[in-house]
Every structure is written in structure tokens, then in C-alpha cells.
Amino acid sequence: MTTPEIIGPLPVVRTRDGYWCHPALEAFYHDREYVADREYQHWLADKGLEDALVYQDDDTGSPADPEWLLQADFSLWSPSVPEGPGWFTGAVYEDENFGPVCIWLRRREASC
């Protein structure tokens, strides 16, 4: 049995338009625009991670809303953190169907 690579929080320095991706997630995607959900879920399990998605649309009243509507800029958006401890940013990007989205990651609870 192999020990999963430890992936944890890093400083998030977003681009001028608001994008950022954790290097481990970026390496997994390896310049692909789409990854099958089954492959992504396998990667999460292999790394001992779970994820949660937060959409800018769900963060009502965000100061980023006007900038997003006018200029497709979501750099002002501060995605809300999911309930519970240990969440860190996996990626902040624009989904073509849902607009700005944040992938939050955290270590999975180890089952006994």
C-alpha cells in the first residue's frame, strides 16, 4: 500500500481576473479542459481528499457581482468556506455554465 501524497493549503495568489489553481490539481488536469468525474473522484480518493464547490451565485451580495457582470472579472470575490474544519482552496475559476466557482479541498477523515 502506498502513502498518498500530502496535499495541503498554499498561499493563494490569484491572477488579475481572479483565477488560481493549486499546483497538485493543476498537475492532475495537465492542460486538459475536462476530466471525467470518475477520474476526478479517483484522484481525490487516491490523495485522501474530499471536495466542496462554492459558486459566486451562491454568495449573494458579493462585491464581485457587478465586476463579473460588466467585465467577467471575479477577482473581488472571496468564496465562502464550507462548514467544518480543514478546508483550503483547490481552485478558483470560471465554469462556462455556472460562472465563477471555487473548489475547496480538505483531508478526508480516516475511517478505522
Foldseek 3Di string as FASTA:
>chain_A
DDQADADAADDFDADQQAKTARPVVCVVCVPPPDDDPVSVVVVCVSNQKDKDKFAVVNVPPQPQVVVCVPPVGRNSDDTDDDPDDAWHWGIWDQDPVGGTMTIIMGGHDDDD
